[in-house]
Amino acid sequence: MESLLSRITTTPDICHGKPTIRGLRYPVENMLELLASGMTIEELLKDYPDLQREDFLACLEYASKLAHLQSIYKLNS
């Protein structure tokens, strides 16, 4: 399976440098939150017609790669 991570971009002047989908103003974290809330990719495609199924799969792949980090530290709130 070919990596979809090329769809995830970071640009300093877009969304304060947060990872976004294809340089658009859709932060990966927002799309992951929507998926985690129970929305399906099909529902998201209706809400965001300029995005593609592969964009949401790229977000999931990105999250998967982050989960493989060796250390995760609890942040104080």
PDB file of N, CA and C in Angstrom:
ATOM      1  N   MET A   1       0.832  -1.188   0.000  1.00  0.00           N
ATOM      2  CA  MET A   1       0.000   0.000   0.000  1.00  0.00           C
ATOM      3  C   MET A   1       0.874   1.248   0.000  1.00  0.00           C
ATOM      4  N   GLU A   2       0.619   2.129  -0.915  1.00  0.00           N
ATOM      5  CA  GLU A   2       1.403   3.355  -1.046  1.00  0.00           C
ATOM      6  C   GLU A   2       1.031   4.337   0.072  1.00  0.00           C
ATOM      7  N   SER A   3       2.031   5.011   0.611  1.00  0.00           N
ATOM      8  CA  SER A   3       1.797   5.964   1.687  1.00  0.00           C
ATOM      9  C   SER A   3       1.013   7.176   1.169  1.00  0.00           C
ATOM     10  N   LEU A   4       0.089   7.602   1.969  1.00  0.00           N
ATOM     11  CA  LEU A   4      -0.707   8.786   1.645  1.00  0.00           C
ATOM     12  C   LEU A   4      -0.175  10.023   2.359  1.00  0.00           C
ATOM     13  N   LEU A   5       0.936   9.874   3.060  1.00  0.00           N
ATOM     14  CA  LEU A   5       1.447  10.967   3.874  1.00  0.00           C
ATOM     15  C   LEU A   5       1.838  12.205   3.074  1.00  0.00           C
ATOM     16  N   SER A   6       2.044  12.063   1.780  1.00  0.00           N
ATOM     17  CA  SER A   6       2.376  13.244   0.972  1.00  0.00           C
ATOM     18  C   SER A   6       1.205  14.221   0.922  1.00  0.00           C
ATOM     19  N   ARG A   7       0.023  13.766   1.281  1.00  0.00           N
ATOM     20  CA  ARG A   7      -1.160  14.642   1.321  1.00  0.00           C
ATOM     21  C   ARG A   7      -1.161  15.530   2.573  1.00  0.00           C
ATOM     22  N   ILE A   8      -0.332  15.186   3.549  1.00  0.00           N
ATOM     23  CA  ILE A   8      -0.250  15.961   4.783  1.00  0.00           C
ATOM     24  C   ILE A   8       0.927  16.924   4.658  1.00  0.00           C
ATOM     25  N   THR A   9       0.619  18.212   4.780  1.00  0.00           N
ATOM     26  CA  THR A   9       1.657  19.232   4.600  1.00  0.00           C
ATOM     27  C   THR A   9       1.711  20.153   5.805  1.00  0.00           C
ATOM     28  N   THR A  10       2.870  20.749   6.000  1.00  0.00           N
ATOM     29  CA  THR A  10       3.026  21.784   7.012  1.00  0.00           C
ATOM     30  C   THR A  10       3.660  22.989   6.343  1.00  0.00           C
ATOM     31  N   THR A  11       2.996  24.117   6.483  1.00  0.00           N
ATOM     32  CA  THR A  11       3.462  25.374   5.906  1.00  0.00           C
ATOM     33  C   THR A  11       3.321  26.438   6.987  1.00  0.00           C
ATOM     34  N   PRO A  12       4.393  27.160   7.284  1.00  0.00           N
ATOM     35  CA  PRO A  12       4.343  28.123   8.395  1.00  0.00           C
ATOM     36  C   PRO A  12       3.194  29.133   8.320  1.00  0.00           C
ATOM     37  N   ASP A  13       2.810  29.542   7.133  1.00  0.00           N
ATOM     38  CA  ASP A  13       1.775  30.575   7.028  1.00  0.00           C
ATOM     39  C   ASP A  13       0.362  30.016   6.860  1.00  0.00           C
ATOM     40  N   ILE A  14       0.194  28.706   6.962  1.00  0.00           N
ATOM     41  CA  ILE A  14      -1.140  28.094   6.894  1.00  0.00           C
ATOM     42  C   ILE A  14      -1.420  27.407   8.225  1.00  0.00           C
ATOM     43  N   CYS A  15      -2.458  27.845   8.901  1.00  0.00           N
ATOM     44  CA  CYS A  15      -2.875  27.265  10.193  1.00  0.00           C
ATOM     45  C   CYS A  15      -1.728  27.225  11.202  1.00  0.00           C
ATOM     46  N   HIS A  16      -0.930  28.284  11.225  1.00  0.00           N
ATOM     47  CA  HIS A  16       0.170  28.423  12.184  1.00  0.00           C
ATOM     48  C   HIS A  16       1.169  27.274  12.103  1.00  0.00           C
ATOM     49  N   GLY A  17       1.314  26.687  10.922  1.00  0.00           N
ATOM     50  CA  GLY A  17       2.288  25.619  10.734  1.00  0.00           C
ATOM     51  C   GLY A  17       1.824  24.245  11.171  1.00  0.00           C
ATOM     52  N   LYS A  18       0.557  24.123  11.568  1.00  0.00           N
ATOM     53  CA  LYS A  18       0.038  22.805  11.946  1.00  0.00           C
ATOM     54  C   LYS A  18      -0.107  21.939  10.702  1.00  0.00           C
ATOM     55  N   PRO A  19      -0.010  20.633  10.843  1.00  0.00           N
ATOM     56  CA  PRO A  19      -0.216  19.741   9.689  1.00  0.00           C
ATOM     57  C   PRO A  19      -1.629  19.921   9.129  1.00  0.00           C
ATOM     58  N   THR A  20      -1.704  20.090   7.820  1.00  0.00           N
ATOM     59  CA  THR A  20      -2.989  20.258   7.145  1.00  0.00           C
ATOM     60  C   THR A  20      -3.084  19.287   5.975  1.00  0.00           C
ATOM     61  N   ILE A  21      -4.263  19.215   5.406  1.00  0.00           N
ATOM     62  CA  ILE A  21      -4.490  18.360   4.246  1.00  0.00           C
ATOM     63  C   ILE A  21      -4.190  19.150   2.980  1.00  0.00           C
ATOM     64  N   ARG A  22      -3.209  18.689   2.228  1.00  0.00           N
ATOM     65  CA  ARG A  22      -2.833  19.245   0.929  1.00  0.00           C
ATOM     66  C   ARG A  22      -2.660  20.762   0.926  1.00  0.00           C
ATOM     67  N   GLY A  23      -2.174  21.329   2.012  1.00  0.00           N
ATOM     68  CA  GLY A  23      -1.946  22.765   2.066  1.00  0.00           C
ATOM     69  C   GLY A  23      -3.225  23.581   2.174  1.00  0.00           C
ATOM     70  N   LEU A  24      -4.344  22.909   2.310  1.00  0.00           N
ATOM     71  CA  LEU A  24      -5.609  23.599   2.506  1.00  0.00           C
ATOM     72  C   LEU A  24      -5.746  23.941   3.984  1.00  0.00           C
ATOM     73  N   ARG A  25      -6.709  24.703   4.327  1.00  0.00           N
ATOM     74  CA  ARG A  25      -6.870  25.118   5.721  1.00  0.00           C
ATOM     75  C   ARG A  25      -7.732  24.129   6.512  1.00  0.00           C
ATOM     76  N   TYR A  26      -7.389  22.858   6.378  1.00  0.00           N
ATOM     77  CA  TYR A  26      -8.053  21.799   7.129  1.00  0.00           C
ATOM     78  C   TYR A  26      -7.005  21.104   7.991  1.00  0.00           C
ATOM     79  N   PRO A  27      -6.881  21.509   9.257  1.00  0.00           N
ATOM     80  CA  PRO A  27      -5.883  20.868  10.120  1.00  0.00           C
ATOM     81  C   PRO A  27      -6.194  19.381  10.321  1.00  0.00           C
ATOM     82  N   VAL A  28      -5.161  18.591  10.289  1.00  0.00           N
ATOM     83  CA  VAL A  28      -5.287  17.151  10.504  1.00  0.00           C
ATOM     84  C   VAL A  28      -5.965  16.881  11.843  1.00  0.00           C
ATOM     85  N   GLU A  29      -5.590  17.622  12.874  1.00  0.00           N
ATOM     86  CA  GLU A  29      -6.161  17.369  14.197  1.00  0.00           C
ATOM     87  C   GLU A  29      -7.675  17.550  14.195  1.00  0.00           C
ATOM     88  N   ASN A  30      -8.192  18.513  13.456  1.00  0.00           N
ATOM     89  CA  ASN A  30      -9.641  18.720  13.398  1.00  0.00           C
ATOM     90  C   ASN A  30     -10.332  17.542  12.715  1.00  0.00           C
ATOM     91  N   MET A  31      -9.748  17.059  11.629  1.00  0.00           N
ATOM     92  CA  MET A  31     -10.348  15.935  10.919  1.00  0.00           C
ATOM     93  C   MET A  31     -10.315  14.673  11.773  1.00  0.00           C
ATOM     94  N   LEU A  32      -9.235  14.479  12.531  1.00  0.00           N
ATOM     95  CA  LEU A  32      -9.146  13.326  13.422  1.00  0.00           C
ATOM     96  C   LEU A  32     -10.176  13.425  14.547  1.00  0.00           C
ATOM     97  N   GLU A  33     -10.393  14.623  15.054  1.00  0.00           N
ATOM     98  CA  GLU A  33     -11.404  14.805  16.097  1.00  0.00           C
ATOM     99  C   GLU A  33     -12.794  14.468  15.568  1.00  0.00           C
ATOM    100  N   LEU A  34     -13.077  14.871  14.334  1.00  0.00           N
ATOM    101  CA  LEU A  34     -14.378  14.557  13.739  1.00  0.00           C
ATOM    102  C   LEU A  34     -14.545  13.050  13.552  1.00  0.00           C
ATOM    103  N   LEU A  35     -13.497  12.390  13.091  1.00  0.00           N
ATOM    104  CA  LEU A  35     -13.554  10.939  12.935  1.00  0.00           C
ATOM    105  C   LEU A  35     -13.728  10.263  14.299  1.00  0.00           C
ATOM    106  N   ALA A  36     -13.002  10.758  15.298  1.00  0.00           N
ATOM    107  CA  ALA A  36     -13.090  10.176  16.636  1.00  0.00           C
ATOM    108  C   ALA A  36     -14.462  10.399  17.267  1.00  0.00           C
ATOM    109  N   SER A  37     -15.147  11.445  16.841  1.00  0.00           N
ATOM    110  CA  SER A  37     -16.477  11.717  17.397  1.00  0.00           C
ATOM    111  C   SER A  37     -17.533  10.775  16.837  1.00  0.00           C
ATOM    112  N   GLY A  38     -17.142  10.002  15.825  1.00  0.00           N
ATOM    113  CA  GLY A  38     -18.070   9.038  15.261  1.00  0.00           C
ATOM    114  C   GLY A  38     -18.525   9.342  13.841  1.00  0.00           C
ATOM    115  N   MET A  39     -18.107  10.479  13.298  1.00  0.00           N
ATOM    116  CA  MET A  39     -18.481  10.779  11.915  1.00  0.00           C
ATOM    117  C   MET A  39     -17.774   9.805  10.988  1.00  0.00           C
ATOM    118  N   THR A  40     -18.456   9.411   9.948  1.00  0.00           N
ATOM    119  CA  THR A  40     -17.852   8.515   8.961  1.00  0.00           C
ATOM    120  C   THR A  40     -17.157   9.342   7.882  1.00  0.00           C
ATOM    121  N   ILE A  41     -16.287   8.691   7.146  1.00  0.00           N
ATOM    122  CA  ILE A  41     -15.630   9.376   6.033  1.00  0.00           C
ATOM    123  C   ILE A  41     -16.675   9.849   5.032  1.00  0.00           C
ATOM    124  N   GLU A  42     -17.706   9.066   4.808  1.00  0.00           N
ATOM    125  CA  GLU A  42     -18.758   9.446   3.864  1.00  0.00           C
ATOM    126  C   GLU A  42     -19.459  10.730   4.322  1.00  0.00           C
ATOM    127  N   GLU A  43     -19.733  10.839   5.613  1.00  0.00           N
ATOM    128  CA  GLU A  43     -20.348  12.057   6.143  1.00  0.00           C
ATOM    129  C   GLU A  43     -19.421  13.259   5.985  1.00  0.00           C
ATOM    130  N   LEU A  44     -18.151  13.042   6.260  1.00  0.00           N
ATOM    131  CA  LEU A  44     -17.185  14.131   6.131  1.00  0.00           C
ATOM    132  C   LEU A  44     -17.029  14.576   4.681  1.00  0.00           C
ATOM    133  N   LEU A  45     -17.098  13.634   3.754  1.00  0.00           N
ATOM    134  CA  LEU A  45     -17.000  13.995   2.341  1.00  0.00           C
ATOM    135  C   LEU A  45     -18.172  14.881   1.921  1.00  0.00           C
ATOM    136  N   LYS A  46     -19.328  14.667   2.519  1.00  0.00           N
ATOM    137  CA  LYS A  46     -20.482  15.525   2.225  1.00  0.00           C
ATOM    138  C   LYS A  46     -20.280  16.920   2.810  1.00  0.00           C
ATOM    139  N   ASP A  47     -19.699  16.988   4.013  1.00  0.00           N
ATOM    140  CA  ASP A  47     -19.462  18.278   4.665  1.00  0.00           C
ATOM    141  C   ASP A  47     -18.284  19.042   4.063  1.00  0.00           C
ATOM    142  N   TYR A  48     -17.330  18.321   3.516  1.00  0.00           N
ATOM    143  CA  TYR A  48     -16.119  18.926   2.944  1.00  0.00           C
ATOM    144  C   TYR A  48     -15.924  18.416   1.520  1.00  0.00           C
ATOM    145  N   PRO A  49     -16.714  18.904   0.571  1.00  0.00           N
ATOM    146  CA  PRO A  49     -16.681  18.365  -0.795  1.00  0.00           C
ATOM    147  C   PRO A  49     -15.358  18.577  -1.533  1.00  0.00           C
ATOM    148  N   ASP A  50     -14.527  19.487  -1.056  1.00  0.00           N
ATOM    149  CA  ASP A  50     -13.231  19.680  -1.719  1.00  0.00           C
ATOM    150  C   ASP A  50     -12.169  18.700  -1.234  1.00  0.00           C
ATOM    151  N   LEU A  51     -12.527  17.835  -0.285  1.00  0.00           N
ATOM    152  CA  LEU A  51     -11.603  16.805   0.166  1.00  0.00           C
ATOM    153  C   LEU A  51     -11.971  15.461  -0.453  1.00  0.00           C
ATOM    154  N   GLN A  52     -11.006  14.544  -0.404  1.00  0.00           N
ATOM    155  CA  GLN A  52     -11.187  13.215  -0.981  1.00  0.00           C
ATOM    156  C   GLN A  52     -11.012  12.158   0.104  1.00  0.00           C
ATOM    157  N   ARG A  53     -11.536  10.981  -0.162  1.00  0.00           N
ATOM    158  CA  ARG A  53     -11.424   9.871   0.784  1.00  0.00           C
ATOM    159  C   ARG A  53      -9.971   9.652   1.208  1.00  0.00           C
ATOM    160  N   GLU A  54      -9.061   9.738   0.262  1.00  0.00           N
ATOM    161  CA  GLU A  54      -7.644   9.525   0.547  1.00  0.00           C
ATOM    162  C   GLU A  54      -7.096  10.549   1.528  1.00  0.00           C
ATOM    163  N   ASP A  55      -7.680  11.748   1.563  1.00  0.00           N
ATOM    164  CA  ASP A  55      -7.237  12.772   2.512  1.00  0.00           C
ATOM    165  C   ASP A  55      -7.507  12.319   3.948  1.00  0.00           C
ATOM    166  N   PHE A  56      -8.674  11.731   4.178  1.00  0.00           N
ATOM    167  CA  PHE A  56      -9.007  11.255   5.525  1.00  0.00           C
ATOM    168  C   PHE A  56      -8.177  10.027   5.887  1.00  0.00           C
ATOM    169  N   LEU A  57      -7.922   9.177   4.911  1.00  0.00           N
ATOM    170  CA  LEU A  57      -7.050   8.026   5.164  1.00  0.00           C
ATOM    171  C   LEU A  57      -5.630   8.501   5.481  1.00  0.00           C
ATOM    172  N   ALA A  58      -5.199   9.576   4.841  1.00  0.00           N
ATOM    173  CA  ALA A  58      -3.881  10.149   5.125  1.00  0.00           C
ATOM    174  C   ALA A  58      -3.829  10.662   6.562  1.00  0.00           C
ATOM    175  N   CYS A  59      -4.906  11.263   7.034  1.00  0.00           N
ATOM    176  CA  CYS A  59      -4.966  11.727   8.428  1.00  0.00           C
ATOM    177  C   CYS A  59      -4.817  10.552   9.390  1.00  0.00           C
ATOM    178  N   LEU A  60      -5.490   9.465   9.079  1.00  0.00           N
ATOM    179  CA  LEU A  60      -5.389   8.275   9.929  1.00  0.00           C
ATOM    180  C   LEU A  60      -3.986   7.689   9.895  1.00  0.00           C
ATOM    181  N   GLU A  61      -3.369   7.674   8.726  1.00  0.00           N
ATOM    182  CA  GLU A  61      -1.994   7.169   8.627  1.00  0.00           C
ATOM    183  C   GLU A  61      -1.042   8.065   9.415  1.00  0.00           C
ATOM    184  N   TYR A  62      -1.255   9.367   9.332  1.00  0.00           N
ATOM    185  CA  TYR A  62      -0.437  10.322  10.072  1.00  0.00           C
ATOM    186  C   TYR A  62      -0.554  10.052  11.585  1.00  0.00           C
ATOM    187  N   ALA A  63      -1.777   9.864  12.054  1.00  0.00           N
ATOM    188  CA  ALA A  63      -1.996   9.574  13.471  1.00  0.00           C
ATOM    189  C   ALA A  63      -1.340   8.255  13.872  1.00  0.00           C
ATOM    190  N   SER A  64      -1.398   7.282  12.997  1.00  0.00           N
ATOM    191  CA  SER A  64      -0.773   5.994  13.265  1.00  0.00           C
ATOM    192  C   SER A  64       0.735   6.148  13.427  1.00  0.00           C
ATOM    193  N   LYS A  65       1.338   6.948  12.561  1.00  0.00           N
ATOM    194  CA  LYS A  65       2.788   7.175  12.660  1.00  0.00           C
ATOM    195  C   LYS A  65       3.129   7.881  13.973  1.00  0.00           C
ATOM    196  N   LEU A  66       2.298   8.830  14.383  1.00  0.00           N
ATOM    197  CA  LEU A  66       2.543   9.521  15.649  1.00  0.00           C
ATOM    198  C   LEU A  66       2.441   8.571  16.834  1.00  0.00           C
ATOM    199  N   ALA A  67       1.541   7.607  16.748  1.00  0.00           N
ATOM    200  CA  ALA A  67       1.360   6.649  17.843  1.00  0.00           C
ATOM    201  C   ALA A  67       2.574   5.741  18.005  1.00  0.00           C
ATOM    202  N   HIS A  68       3.404   5.656  16.989  1.00  0.00           N
ATOM    203  CA  HIS A  68       4.598   4.812  17.060  1.00  0.00           C
ATOM    204  C   HIS A  68       5.800   5.530  17.675  1.00  0.00           C
ATOM    205  N   LEU A  69       5.615   6.765  18.103  1.00  0.00           N
ATOM    206  CA  LEU A  69       6.723   7.480  18.747  1.00  0.00           C
ATOM    207  C   LEU A  69       7.169   6.715  19.978  1.00  0.00           C
ATOM    208  N   GLN A  70       8.442   6.799  20.279  1.00  0.00           N
ATOM    209  CA  GLN A  70       8.987   6.025  21.385  1.00  0.00           C
ATOM    210  C   GLN A  70       8.519   6.523  22.741  1.00  0.00           C
ATOM    211  N   SER A  71       8.360   7.834  22.888  1.00  0.00           N
ATOM    212  CA  SER A  71       7.979   8.388  24.184  1.00  0.00           C
ATOM    213  C   SER A  71       6.814   9.349  24.025  1.00  0.00           C
ATOM    214  N   ILE A  72       5.881   9.231  24.927  1.00  0.00           N
ATOM    215  CA  ILE A  72       4.765  10.162  24.977  1.00  0.00           C
ATOM    216  C   ILE A  72       4.760  10.741  26.384  1.00  0.00           C
ATOM    217  N   TYR A  73       4.755  12.055  26.468  1.00  0.00           N
ATOM    218  CA  TYR A  73       4.810  12.712  27.758  1.00  0.00           C
ATOM    219  C   TYR A  73       3.461  13.374  28.055  1.00  0.00           C
ATOM    220  N   LYS A  74       3.032  13.242  29.299  1.00  0.00           N
ATOM    221  CA  LYS A  74       1.800  13.898  29.726  1.00  0.00           C
ATOM    222  C   LYS A  74       2.072  15.378  29.870  1.00  0.00           C
ATOM    223  N   LEU A  75       1.197  16.193  29.274  1.00  0.00           N
ATOM    224  CA  LEU A  75       1.326  17.635  29.396  1.00  0.00           C
ATOM    225  C   LEU A  75       0.472  18.123  30.548  1.00  0.00           C
ATOM    226  N   ASN A  76       1.014  19.029  31.327  1.00  0.00           N
ATOM    227  CA  ASN A  76       0.214  19.624  32.406  1.00  0.00           C
ATOM    228  C   ASN A  76      -0.774  20.599  31.802  1.00  0.00           C
ATOM    229  N   SER A  77      -2.009  20.556  32.274  1.00  0.00           N
ATOM    230  CA  SER A  77      -3.000  21.481  31.738  1.00  0.00           C
ATOM    231  C   SER A  77      -3.244  22.640  32.664  1.00  0.00           C
TER     232      SER A  77
END
